[in-house]
C-alpha cells in the first residue's frame, strides 16, 4: 500500500498532523460491506520516556466493516520500536503487535468511539494512540542483563518472596566516600561530636 493510492491517502505538510484518510462513502451504502487496508503507514512522532518508533512508521492489517451505526475497524497494528535498556543503557529493539477493534460513528462518544465523516474517515489519531500505548516505558535488553558494570554493581532478580539487600550484595561506590565527613546541623549526633571535640577532658 502506498500513501495516495486507492482508497487510502496519508500525508503531512509542515506542522500539520499526518492523516490516514480512507474513503467510506461507497462502503457505507450497504451494511456488511468490507474493505481491507494493509501496509505501512506514517504517523506523527511516537515517543515515550525510553522508546520511540524509528521513522514514525507502523504496519497495519485492517478491515473496515460497514455497520448500522457507522464503521468498525478491526485487525492488527504492528509497531517496531527502539529504546534504551533500563539497566545497561544499551540500545534495545523490539516489536509490539496490537489487536485493533474500534468503532467510528457520526456522533462519537468521547473516550469510546471515533469520529466518522460523510465521505472519509481519518484513522491516524486512533492508530497513533494505539501505537503509543504499545511502546515500553522501561525496556530491557534481556532478562539476564547484568547492567553497565556487573562486577562492581551486579543486577540480579530476587528469589520469589525475597528482597535483595543491595547494600550488602554490591560493593560501595568509592565516589560517595567524600560525603562521610559531612556533619549536618540537624544531625542528633552532631552536638555530641562537637562537645567531644571542644572539651577533650570531658569537663
N, C-alpha and C. Protein backbone atom coordinates (compact mmCIF):
# COMPACT_ATOMS: atom_id res chain seq x y z
N UNK A 1 0.84 -1.18 0.00
CA UNK A 1 0.00 0.00 0.00
C UNK A 1 0.88 1.23 0.00
N UNK A 2 0.64 2.17 -0.86
CA UNK A 2 1.39 3.40 -0.94
C UNK A 2 0.48 4.57 -0.65
N UNK A 3 0.89 5.53 0.21
CA UNK A 3 0.04 6.67 0.50
C UNK A 3 -0.41 7.37 -0.77
N UNK A 4 -1.71 7.59 -0.87
CA UNK A 4 -2.26 8.26 -2.04
C UNK A 4 -2.83 7.30 -3.06
N UNK A 5 -2.53 6.00 -2.92
CA UNK A 5 -3.03 5.01 -3.86
C UNK A 5 -4.37 4.48 -3.37
N UNK A 6 -5.30 4.22 -4.29
CA UNK A 6 -6.58 3.59 -3.97
C UNK A 6 -7.37 4.41 -2.98
N UNK A 7 -8.08 3.74 -2.06
CA UNK A 7 -8.95 4.44 -1.13
C UNK A 7 -8.21 5.09 0.03
N UNK A 8 -6.88 4.84 0.16
CA UNK A 8 -6.14 5.35 1.30
C UNK A 8 -5.25 6.50 0.87
N UNK A 9 -5.21 7.56 1.67
CA UNK A 9 -4.25 8.63 1.44
C UNK A 9 -3.70 9.06 2.77
N UNK A 10 -2.38 9.24 2.86
CA UNK A 10 -1.74 9.67 4.10
C UNK A 10 -0.69 10.69 3.74
N UNK A 11 -0.52 11.68 4.59
CA UNK A 11 0.49 12.67 4.29
C UNK A 11 0.55 13.74 5.35
N UNK A 12 1.57 14.62 5.24
CA UNK A 12 1.71 15.72 6.17
C UNK A 12 2.28 16.91 5.44
N UNK A 13 2.03 18.07 5.96
CA UNK A 13 2.54 19.30 5.38
C UNK A 13 2.95 20.22 6.51
N UNK A 14 4.28 20.51 6.60
CA UNK A 14 4.75 21.36 7.68
C UNK A 14 4.44 20.73 9.03
N UNK A 15 3.78 21.51 9.89
CA UNK A 15 3.45 21.02 11.22
C UNK A 15 2.05 20.44 11.28
N UNK A 16 1.39 20.35 10.18
CA UNK A 16 0.04 19.76 10.19
C UNK A 16 0.12 18.29 10.55
N UNK A 17 -0.82 17.81 11.34
CA UNK A 17 -0.82 16.39 11.71
C UNK A 17 -0.93 15.49 10.49
N UNK A 18 -0.25 14.39 10.52
CA UNK A 18 -0.39 13.41 9.45
C UNK A 18 -1.78 12.79 9.51
N UNK A 19 -2.30 12.48 8.35
CA UNK A 19 -3.63 11.89 8.27
C UNK A 19 -3.57 10.56 7.53
N UNK A 20 -4.46 9.68 7.90
CA UNK A 20 -4.64 8.41 7.19
C UNK A 20 -6.12 8.36 6.81
N UNK A 21 -6.42 8.90 5.63
CA UNK A 21 -7.82 9.05 5.22
C UNK A 21 -8.25 7.88 4.33
N UNK A 22 -9.40 7.35 4.66
CA UNK A 22 -9.97 6.24 3.89
C UNK A 22 -11.36 6.66 3.42
N UNK A 23 -11.62 6.46 2.14
CA UNK A 23 -12.92 6.79 1.58
C UNK A 23 -13.95 5.77 2.07
N UNK A 24 -15.06 6.26 2.65
CA UNK A 24 -16.05 5.36 3.24
C UNK A 24 -17.46 5.58 2.68
N UNK A 25 -17.63 6.58 1.80
CA UNK A 25 -18.97 6.86 1.28
C UNK A 25 -19.55 5.64 0.58
N UNK A 26 -18.74 5.01 -0.29
CA UNK A 26 -19.22 3.82 -1.01
C UNK A 26 -19.34 2.62 -0.08
N UNK A 27 -18.49 2.57 0.93
CA UNK A 27 -18.52 1.45 1.88
C UNK A 27 -19.82 1.44 2.67
N UNK A 28 -20.33 2.61 3.00
CA UNK A 28 -21.49 2.71 3.88
C UNK A 28 -22.83 2.54 3.14
N UNK A 29 -22.78 2.36 1.86
CA UNK A 29 -24.03 2.21 1.11
C UNK A 29 -24.75 0.91 1.44
N UNK A 30 -23.99 -0.08 1.94
CA UNK A 30 -24.61 -1.35 2.25
C UNK A 30 -24.01 -1.92 3.54
N UNK A 31 -24.85 -2.25 4.51
CA UNK A 31 -24.39 -2.81 5.77
C UNK A 31 -23.70 -4.16 5.52
N UNK A 32 -22.56 -4.34 6.15
CA UNK A 32 -21.81 -5.57 5.98
C UNK A 32 -20.72 -5.47 4.93
N UNK A 33 -20.69 -4.38 4.19
CA UNK A 33 -19.64 -4.18 3.17
C UNK A 33 -18.29 -4.10 3.87
N UNK A 34 -17.26 -4.68 3.24
CA UNK A 34 -15.93 -4.73 3.85
C UNK A 34 -14.86 -4.16 2.92
N UNK A 35 -13.82 -3.62 3.54
CA UNK A 35 -12.68 -3.11 2.76
C UNK A 35 -11.41 -3.36 3.55
N UNK A 36 -10.41 -3.93 2.88
CA UNK A 36 -9.13 -4.25 3.53
C UNK A 36 -8.17 -3.07 3.44
N UNK A 37 -7.34 -2.96 4.42
CA UNK A 37 -6.32 -1.91 4.47
C UNK A 37 -5.05 -2.53 5.02
N UNK A 38 -4.04 -2.73 4.15
CA UNK A 38 -2.84 -3.46 4.55
C UNK A 38 -1.61 -2.71 4.07
N UNK A 39 -0.61 -2.57 4.94
CA UNK A 39 0.65 -1.97 4.54
C UNK A 39 1.19 -0.98 5.55
N UNK A 40 2.30 -0.29 5.20
CA UNK A 40 2.92 0.68 6.11
C UNK A 40 2.18 2.02 6.09
N UNK A 41 2.15 2.67 7.24
CA UNK A 41 1.51 3.98 7.37
C UNK A 41 2.41 4.87 8.21
N UNK A 42 2.61 6.10 7.80
CA UNK A 42 3.39 7.07 8.57
C UNK A 42 2.45 7.90 9.43
N UNK A 43 2.83 8.05 10.71
CA UNK A 43 2.03 8.80 11.66
C UNK A 43 2.87 9.93 12.25
N UNK A 44 2.26 10.73 13.13
CA UNK A 44 3.02 11.75 13.83
C UNK A 44 4.02 11.08 14.78
N UNK A 45 4.97 11.87 15.27
CA UNK A 45 6.04 11.35 16.12
C UNK A 45 5.49 10.53 17.27
N UNK A 46 6.09 9.37 17.47
CA UNK A 46 5.68 8.46 18.55
C UNK A 46 6.87 8.23 19.47
N UNK A 47 6.85 8.89 20.64
CA UNK A 47 7.96 8.84 21.59
C UNK A 47 7.40 8.79 23.01
N UNK A 48 7.98 7.90 23.82
CA UNK A 48 7.72 7.90 25.26
C UNK A 48 9.07 8.07 25.95
N UNK A 49 9.12 7.91 27.26
CA UNK A 49 10.32 8.22 28.02
C UNK A 49 11.58 7.54 27.49
N UNK A 50 11.51 6.24 27.24
CA UNK A 50 12.72 5.49 26.87
C UNK A 50 12.58 4.72 25.56
N UNK A 51 11.59 5.04 24.74
CA UNK A 51 11.41 4.31 23.48
C UNK A 51 10.74 5.21 22.45
N UNK A 52 10.97 4.89 21.18
CA UNK A 52 10.35 5.64 20.09
C UNK A 52 10.19 4.73 18.89
N UNK A 53 9.45 5.21 17.90
CA UNK A 53 9.24 4.46 16.67
C UNK A 53 10.10 5.08 15.57
N UNK A 54 11.16 4.39 15.12
CA UNK A 54 12.02 4.96 14.08
C UNK A 54 11.23 5.24 12.80
N UNK A 55 11.39 6.44 12.28
CA UNK A 55 10.72 6.79 11.04
C UNK A 55 9.24 7.05 11.21
N UNK A 56 8.73 6.90 12.44
CA UNK A 56 7.30 7.13 12.71
C UNK A 56 6.41 6.32 11.76
N UNK A 57 6.84 5.10 11.47
CA UNK A 57 6.08 4.25 10.55
C UNK A 57 5.63 2.98 11.25
N UNK A 58 4.38 2.61 11.03
CA UNK A 58 3.83 1.37 11.57
C UNK A 58 3.23 0.57 10.43
N UNK A 59 2.96 -0.70 10.68
CA UNK A 59 2.33 -1.56 9.68
C UNK A 59 0.93 -1.94 10.16
N UNK A 60 -0.01 -1.91 9.24
CA UNK A 60 -1.38 -2.23 9.59
C UNK A 60 -1.91 -3.36 8.71
N UNK A 61 -2.75 -4.16 9.30
CA UNK A 61 -3.52 -5.17 8.58
C UNK A 61 -4.94 -5.07 9.12
N UNK A 62 -5.73 -4.23 8.46
CA UNK A 62 -7.04 -3.87 8.98
C UNK A 62 -8.15 -4.19 7.99
N UNK A 63 -9.34 -4.26 8.54
CA UNK A 63 -10.53 -4.42 7.72
C UNK A 63 -11.60 -3.45 8.23
N UNK A 64 -12.15 -2.67 7.33
CA UNK A 64 -13.22 -1.75 7.66
C UNK A 64 -14.55 -2.41 7.30
N UNK A 65 -15.48 -2.41 8.24
CA UNK A 65 -16.77 -3.08 8.04
C UNK A 65 -17.89 -2.06 8.26
N UNK A 66 -18.79 -1.98 7.31
CA UNK A 66 -19.94 -1.08 7.43
C UNK A 66 -20.98 -1.70 8.36
N UNK A 67 -21.38 -0.94 9.38
CA UNK A 67 -22.40 -1.37 10.33
C UNK A 67 -23.44 -0.26 10.43
N UNK A 68 -24.64 -0.54 10.96
CA UNK A 68 -25.70 0.49 11.01
C UNK A 68 -25.27 1.78 11.70
N UNK A 69 -24.47 1.67 12.77
CA UNK A 69 -24.08 2.88 13.50
C UNK A 69 -22.87 3.58 12.92
N UNK A 70 -22.20 2.97 11.94
CA UNK A 70 -21.03 3.61 11.34
C UNK A 70 -20.10 2.62 10.68
N UNK A 71 -18.83 2.62 11.12
CA UNK A 71 -17.82 1.73 10.55
C UNK A 71 -17.00 1.12 11.69
N UNK A 72 -16.80 -0.18 11.64
CA UNK A 72 -15.94 -0.87 12.60
C UNK A 72 -14.60 -1.15 11.93
N UNK A 73 -13.51 -0.82 12.60
CA UNK A 73 -12.16 -1.09 12.10
C UNK A 73 -11.54 -2.15 13.01
N UNK A 74 -11.16 -3.27 12.43
CA UNK A 74 -10.57 -4.35 13.23
C UNK A 74 -9.40 -4.97 12.48
N UNK A 75 -8.48 -5.53 13.25
CA UNK A 75 -7.30 -6.14 12.65
C UNK A 75 -6.12 -6.05 13.58
N UNK A 76 -4.93 -5.79 13.00
CA UNK A 76 -3.68 -5.79 13.76
C UNK A 76 -2.82 -4.59 13.40
N UNK A 77 -2.21 -4.01 14.40
CA UNK A 77 -1.24 -2.92 14.24
C UNK A 77 0.11 -3.43 14.72
N UNK A 78 1.14 -3.30 13.89
CA UNK A 78 2.49 -3.77 14.24
C UNK A 78 3.40 -2.56 14.40
N UNK A 79 4.06 -2.49 15.56
CA UNK A 79 4.92 -1.35 15.88
C UNK A 79 6.34 -1.84 16.15
N UNK A 80 7.28 -1.45 15.30
CA UNK A 80 8.70 -1.74 15.54
C UNK A 80 9.29 -0.54 16.27
N UNK A 81 9.85 -0.77 17.44
CA UNK A 81 10.34 0.33 18.26
C UNK A 81 11.81 0.16 18.62
N UNK A 82 12.40 1.26 19.05
CA UNK A 82 13.79 1.28 19.50
C UNK A 82 13.83 2.04 20.82
N UNK A 83 14.70 1.59 21.74
CA UNK A 83 14.76 2.25 23.03
C UNK A 83 16.09 2.04 23.71
N UNK A 84 16.12 2.36 25.02
CA UNK A 84 17.33 2.27 25.82
C UNK A 84 17.08 1.34 27.00
N UNK A 85 17.94 0.34 27.14
CA UNK A 85 17.79 -0.62 28.24
C UNK A 85 17.88 0.09 29.58
N UNK A 86 16.97 -0.22 30.48
CA UNK A 86 16.93 0.47 31.76
C UNK A 86 18.07 0.05 32.69
N UNK A 87 18.78 -1.04 32.36
CA UNK A 87 19.89 -1.48 33.21
C UNK A 87 21.24 -1.07 32.64
N UNK A 88 21.52 -1.47 31.41
CA UNK A 88 22.85 -1.21 30.84
C UNK A 88 22.88 0.02 29.95
N UNK A 89 21.72 0.61 29.65
CA UNK A 89 21.59 1.80 28.82
C UNK A 89 21.97 1.54 27.36
N UNK A 90 22.08 0.27 26.99
CA UNK A 90 22.36 -0.06 25.60
C UNK A 90 21.09 0.02 24.76
N UNK A 91 21.26 -0.04 23.45
CA UNK A 91 20.12 0.05 22.55
C UNK A 91 19.30 -1.23 22.59
N UNK A 92 18.00 -1.06 22.56
CA UNK A 92 17.07 -2.20 22.54
C UNK A 92 16.11 -2.00 21.38
N UNK A 93 15.85 -3.06 20.65
CA UNK A 93 14.85 -3.01 19.58
C UNK A 93 13.82 -4.10 19.82
N UNK A 94 12.59 -3.79 19.49
CA UNK A 94 11.53 -4.77 19.72
C UNK A 94 10.36 -4.54 18.78
N UNK A 95 9.41 -5.44 18.86
CA UNK A 95 8.20 -5.35 18.03
C UNK A 95 6.99 -5.63 18.90
N UNK A 96 5.99 -4.78 18.78
CA UNK A 96 4.74 -4.96 19.52
C UNK A 96 3.59 -5.09 18.52
N UNK A 97 2.69 -6.03 18.80
CA UNK A 97 1.51 -6.21 17.98
C UNK A 97 0.28 -5.87 18.81
N UNK A 98 -0.59 -5.06 18.24
CA UNK A 98 -1.77 -4.59 18.94
C UNK A 98 -3.02 -5.04 18.19
N UNK A 99 -3.93 -5.66 18.91
CA UNK A 99 -5.22 -6.04 18.32
C UNK A 99 -6.10 -4.78 18.24
N UNK A 100 -6.68 -4.57 17.08
CA UNK A 100 -7.48 -3.37 16.84
C UNK A 100 -8.95 -3.76 16.67
N UNK A 101 -9.82 -3.09 17.39
CA UNK A 101 -11.26 -3.18 17.16
C UNK A 101 -11.89 -1.90 17.67
N UNK A 102 -12.07 -0.95 16.76
CA UNK A 102 -12.55 0.38 17.13
C UNK A 102 -13.78 0.74 16.28
N UNK A 103 -14.65 1.57 16.86
CA UNK A 103 -15.88 1.98 16.17
C UNK A 103 -15.79 3.45 15.81
N UNK A 104 -16.14 3.75 14.58
CA UNK A 104 -16.21 5.13 14.10
C UNK A 104 -17.67 5.44 13.78
N UNK A 105 -18.17 6.57 14.30
CA UNK A 105 -19.56 6.95 14.06
C UNK A 105 -19.70 8.46 13.93
N UNK A 106 -20.82 8.88 13.35
CA UNK A 106 -21.04 10.30 13.07
C UNK A 106 -21.07 11.11 14.36
N UNK A 107 -21.72 10.61 15.39
CA UNK A 107 -21.76 11.28 16.69
C UNK A 107 -21.00 10.44 17.71
N UNK A 108 -19.67 10.60 17.75
CA UNK A 108 -18.86 9.73 18.61
C UNK A 108 -19.03 10.04 20.09
N UNK A 109 -18.82 9.02 20.90
CA UNK A 109 -18.81 9.16 22.35
C UNK A 109 -17.37 9.33 22.79
N UNK A 110 -17.08 10.42 23.47
CA UNK A 110 -15.71 10.72 23.86
C UNK A 110 -15.12 9.60 24.70
N UNK A 111 -13.93 9.16 24.30
CA UNK A 111 -13.24 8.11 25.02
C UNK A 111 -13.68 6.70 24.66
N UNK A 112 -14.71 6.58 23.80
CA UNK A 112 -15.22 5.25 23.45
C UNK A 112 -15.22 4.99 21.94
N UNK A 113 -15.64 5.98 21.16
CA UNK A 113 -15.69 5.81 19.70
C UNK A 113 -14.99 6.99 19.04
N UNK A 114 -14.81 6.87 17.71
CA UNK A 114 -14.05 7.86 16.95
C UNK A 114 -14.97 8.53 15.92
N UNK A 115 -14.61 9.77 15.49
CA UNK A 115 -15.46 10.50 14.54
C UNK A 115 -15.43 9.92 13.13
N UNK A 116 -16.56 9.96 12.48
CA UNK A 116 -16.73 9.44 11.12
C UNK A 116 -17.29 10.54 10.24
N UNK A 117 -16.60 10.84 9.12
CA UNK A 117 -17.08 11.84 8.18
C UNK A 117 -18.06 11.24 7.19
N UNK A 118 -18.67 12.10 6.39
CA UNK A 118 -19.63 11.62 5.40
C UNK A 118 -18.95 10.84 4.29
N UNK A 119 -17.76 11.28 3.88
CA UNK A 119 -17.08 10.64 2.75
C UNK A 119 -15.77 9.96 3.15
N UNK A 120 -15.11 10.47 4.19
CA UNK A 120 -13.81 9.92 4.59
C UNK A 120 -13.77 9.70 6.09
N UNK A 121 -12.88 8.80 6.49
CA UNK A 121 -12.57 8.61 7.91
C UNK A 121 -11.06 8.74 8.05
N UNK A 122 -10.63 9.42 9.09
CA UNK A 122 -9.20 9.58 9.37
C UNK A 122 -8.81 8.61 10.48
N UNK A 123 -8.01 7.61 10.13
CA UNK A 123 -7.59 6.60 11.09
C UNK A 123 -6.36 6.99 11.90
N UNK A 124 -5.71 8.09 11.52
CA UNK A 124 -4.43 8.45 12.14
C UNK A 124 -4.51 8.64 13.65
N UNK A 125 -5.46 9.42 14.19
CA UNK A 125 -5.49 9.58 15.65
C UNK A 125 -5.64 8.27 16.40
N UNK A 126 -6.49 7.39 15.90
CA UNK A 126 -6.69 6.10 16.55
C UNK A 126 -5.43 5.26 16.51
N UNK A 127 -4.79 5.17 15.34
CA UNK A 127 -3.57 4.38 15.20
C UNK A 127 -2.44 4.95 16.05
N UNK A 128 -2.35 6.26 16.10
CA UNK A 128 -1.30 6.92 16.88
C UNK A 128 -1.45 6.60 18.37
N UNK A 129 -2.67 6.67 18.88
CA UNK A 129 -2.90 6.38 20.29
C UNK A 129 -2.56 4.93 20.62
N UNK A 130 -2.97 4.01 19.75
CA UNK A 130 -2.68 2.60 20.00
C UNK A 130 -1.19 2.31 19.92
N UNK A 131 -0.49 2.96 18.98
CA UNK A 131 0.95 2.74 18.84
C UNK A 131 1.69 3.26 20.06
N UNK A 132 1.31 4.43 20.57
CA UNK A 132 1.96 4.96 21.76
C UNK A 132 1.76 4.02 22.96
N UNK A 133 0.56 3.47 23.07
CA UNK A 133 0.28 2.56 24.17
C UNK A 133 1.06 1.27 24.08
N UNK A 134 1.58 0.95 22.90
CA UNK A 134 2.33 -0.29 22.72
C UNK A 134 3.82 -0.13 23.03
N UNK A 135 4.28 1.11 23.22
CA UNK A 135 5.71 1.33 23.48
C UNK A 135 6.03 1.04 24.95
N UNK A 136 7.15 0.36 25.21
CA UNK A 136 7.53 0.05 26.60
C UNK A 136 8.05 1.29 27.31
N UNK A 137 7.66 1.47 28.57
CA UNK A 137 8.12 2.61 29.34
C UNK A 137 9.52 2.38 29.92
N UNK A 138 9.89 1.12 30.16
CA UNK A 138 11.20 0.80 30.72
C UNK A 138 11.72 -0.47 30.06
N UNK A 139 12.16 -0.38 28.82
CA UNK A 139 12.60 -1.60 28.10
C UNK A 139 13.82 -2.24 28.72
N UNK A 140 13.96 -3.53 28.46
CA UNK A 140 15.07 -4.32 28.98
C UNK A 140 15.64 -5.14 27.83
N UNK A 141 16.95 -5.07 27.63
CA UNK A 141 17.56 -5.79 26.51
C UNK A 141 17.49 -7.29 26.70
N UNK A 142 17.54 -7.74 27.97
CA UNK A 142 17.47 -9.16 28.29
C UNK A 142 17.14 -9.32 29.76
N UNK A 143 16.40 -10.36 30.10
CA UNK A 143 16.09 -10.62 31.50
C UNK A 143 17.36 -10.90 32.30
N UNK A 144 18.43 -11.32 31.62
CA UNK A 144 19.68 -11.61 32.30
C UNK A 144 20.67 -10.46 32.21
N UNK A 145 20.23 -9.30 31.72
CA UNK A 145 21.14 -8.15 31.61
C UNK A 145 21.77 -7.85 32.96
N UNK A 146 23.09 -7.77 33.00
CA UNK A 146 23.81 -7.57 34.26
C UNK A 146 24.10 -6.11 34.56
N UNK A 147 23.68 -5.20 33.69
CA UNK A 147 23.92 -3.79 33.94
C UNK A 147 25.24 -3.32 33.35
N UNK A 148 25.59 -2.04 33.55
CA UNK A 148 26.78 -1.47 32.91
C UNK A 148 28.10 -1.94 33.51
N UNK A 149 28.11 -2.33 34.80
CA UNK A 149 29.35 -2.76 35.46
C UNK A 149 29.01 -3.91 36.39
N UNK A 150 28.79 -5.11 35.84
CA UNK A 150 28.29 -6.23 36.65
C UNK A 150 29.23 -6.68 37.76
N UNK A 151 30.54 -6.45 37.64
CA UNK A 151 31.45 -6.91 38.69
C UNK A 151 31.34 -6.05 39.94
N UNK A 152 31.15 -4.74 39.77
CA UNK A 152 31.07 -3.84 40.91
C UNK A 152 29.64 -3.63 41.37
N UNK A 153 28.70 -3.61 40.42
CA UNK A 153 27.30 -3.33 40.74
C UNK A 153 26.42 -4.38 40.08
N UNK A 154 26.38 -5.58 40.61
CA UNK A 154 25.61 -6.65 39.98
C UNK A 154 24.11 -6.37 40.04
N UNK A 155 23.43 -6.75 38.97
CA UNK A 155 21.96 -6.65 38.92
C UNK A 155 21.43 -8.05 38.71
N UNK A 156 20.65 -8.54 39.67
CA UNK A 156 20.09 -9.88 39.54
C UNK A 156 18.69 -9.90 40.14
N UNK A 157 17.83 -10.75 39.62
CA UNK A 157 16.46 -10.81 40.14
C UNK A 157 16.44 -11.41 41.54
N UNK A 158 15.50 -10.95 42.36
CA UNK A 158 15.35 -11.50 43.71
C UNK A 158 14.60 -12.81 43.66
N UNK A 159 14.95 -13.77 44.53
CA UNK A 159 14.18 -15.02 44.61
C UNK A 159 12.73 -14.70 44.96
N UNK A 160 11.84 -15.59 44.60
CA UNK A 160 10.42 -15.37 44.87
C UNK A 160 10.19 -15.11 46.35
N UNK A 161 9.52 -13.99 46.63
CA UNK A 161 9.16 -13.68 48.00
C UNK A 161 10.28 -13.11 48.83
N UNK A 162 11.46 -12.86 48.23
CA UNK A 162 12.58 -12.33 48.99
C UNK A 162 13.03 -10.99 48.40
N UNK A 163 13.60 -10.18 49.24
CA UNK A 163 14.15 -8.89 48.80
C UNK A 163 15.67 -8.97 48.83
N UNK A 164 16.29 -8.28 47.91
CA UNK A 164 17.75 -8.27 47.86
C UNK A 164 18.27 -7.08 48.65
N UNK A 165 19.23 -7.35 49.55
CA UNK A 165 19.88 -6.28 50.28
C UNK A 165 21.00 -5.74 49.41
N UNK A 166 20.70 -4.68 48.67
CA UNK A 166 21.69 -4.16 47.72
C UNK A 166 22.91 -3.60 48.42
N UNK A 167 22.76 -3.10 49.68
CA UNK A 167 23.91 -2.57 50.39
C UNK A 167 24.91 -3.66 50.74
N UNK A 168 24.39 -4.88 51.03
CA UNK A 168 25.28 -5.98 51.41
C UNK A 168 25.84 -6.67 50.18
N UNK A 169 25.05 -6.75 49.10
CA UNK A 169 25.47 -7.52 47.94
C UNK A 169 26.42 -6.76 47.03
N UNK A 170 26.27 -5.45 46.94
CA UNK A 170 27.05 -4.69 45.98
C UNK A 170 28.15 -3.90 46.69
N UNK A 171 29.36 -3.86 46.13
CA UNK A 171 30.43 -3.05 46.71
C UNK A 171 30.02 -1.58 46.72
N UNK A 172 30.54 -0.86 47.71
CA UNK A 172 30.18 0.54 47.82
C UNK A 172 30.90 1.36 46.77
N UNK A 173 30.21 2.32 46.20
CA UNK A 173 30.80 3.20 45.19
C UNK A 173 31.76 4.16 45.91
N UNK A 174 33.05 4.14 45.56
CA UNK A 174 34.03 4.98 46.26
C UNK A 174 33.76 6.47 46.09
N UNK A 175 32.99 6.85 45.10
CA UNK A 175 32.71 8.27 44.90
C UNK A 175 31.91 8.88 46.05
N UNK A 176 31.24 8.03 46.86
CA UNK A 176 30.46 8.54 47.99
C UNK A 176 31.32 8.74 49.24
N UNK A 177 32.58 8.29 49.20
CA UNK A 177 33.43 8.37 50.40
C UNK A 177 33.62 9.81 50.86
N UNK A 178 33.65 10.76 49.91
CA UNK A 178 33.87 12.16 50.26
C UNK A 178 32.76 12.72 51.13
N UNK A 179 31.61 12.07 51.15
CA UNK A 179 30.48 12.56 51.93
C UNK A 179 30.51 12.07 53.37
N UNK A 180 31.41 11.13 53.69
CA UNK A 180 31.41 10.53 55.02
C UNK A 180 31.71 11.55 56.11
N UNK A 181 32.54 12.56 55.79
CA UNK A 181 32.93 13.51 56.82
C UNK A 181 31.98 14.67 57.02
N UNK A 182 30.93 14.74 56.22
CA UNK A 182 29.99 15.84 56.35
C UNK A 182 29.17 15.71 57.61
N UNK A 183 28.95 16.82 58.30
CA UNK A 183 28.13 16.86 59.51
C UNK A 183 27.04 17.90 59.31
N UNK A 184 25.81 17.54 59.53
CA UNK A 184 24.68 18.44 59.35
C UNK A 184 24.19 18.94 60.69
N UNK A 185 23.70 20.18 60.72
CA UNK A 185 23.29 20.82 61.96
C UNK A 185 22.15 20.08 62.64
N UNK A 186 21.28 19.46 61.85
CA UNK A 186 20.15 18.78 62.44
C UNK A 186 20.42 17.31 62.74
N UNK A 187 21.69 16.89 62.64
CA UNK A 187 22.07 15.51 62.96
C UNK A 187 22.09 15.35 64.48
N UNK A 188 21.26 14.45 65.08
CA UNK A 188 21.22 14.31 66.55
C UNK A 188 22.58 14.02 67.16
N UNK A 189 23.45 13.35 66.42
CA UNK A 189 24.75 13.00 66.98
C UNK A 189 25.80 14.08 66.80
N UNK A 190 25.48 15.11 66.02
CA UNK A 190 26.49 16.12 65.73
C UNK A 190 26.85 16.93 66.96
N UNK A 191 25.85 17.21 67.85
CA UNK A 191 26.13 18.00 69.06
C UNK A 191 27.11 17.29 69.96
N UNK A 192 26.89 15.98 70.12
CA UNK A 192 27.79 15.21 70.98
C UNK A 192 29.20 15.19 70.41
N UNK A 193 29.30 15.06 69.09
CA UNK A 193 30.62 15.04 68.47
C UNK A 193 31.31 16.38 68.65
N UNK A 194 30.52 17.48 68.52
CA UNK A 194 31.11 18.81 68.67
C UNK A 194 31.61 19.04 70.09
N UNK A 195 30.82 18.57 71.12
CA UNK A 195 31.23 18.74 72.50
C UNK A 195 32.52 18.00 72.80
N UNK A 196 32.58 16.78 72.24
CA UNK A 196 33.79 16.00 72.46
C UNK A 196 35.00 16.64 71.84
N UNK A 197 34.82 17.34 70.74
CA UNK A 197 35.94 17.97 70.04
C UNK A 197 36.43 19.20 70.78
N UNK A 198 35.53 19.94 71.47
CA UNK A 198 35.93 21.18 72.14
C UNK A 198 36.36 20.96 73.59
N UNK A 199 35.99 19.79 74.14
CA UNK A 199 36.32 19.53 75.55
C UNK A 199 36.93 18.13 75.67
N UNK A 200 38.19 18.00 75.25
CA UNK A 200 38.81 16.66 75.24
C UNK A 200 38.77 16.00 76.60
N UNK A 201 38.77 16.78 77.69
CA UNK A 201 38.78 16.18 79.02
C UNK A 201 37.41 15.76 79.50
N UNK A 202 36.42 16.07 78.71
CA UNK A 202 35.08 15.67 79.09
C UNK A 202 34.49 16.57 80.15
N UNK A 203 35.11 17.78 80.49
CA UNK A 203 34.59 18.68 81.51
C UNK A 203 33.47 19.55 80.97
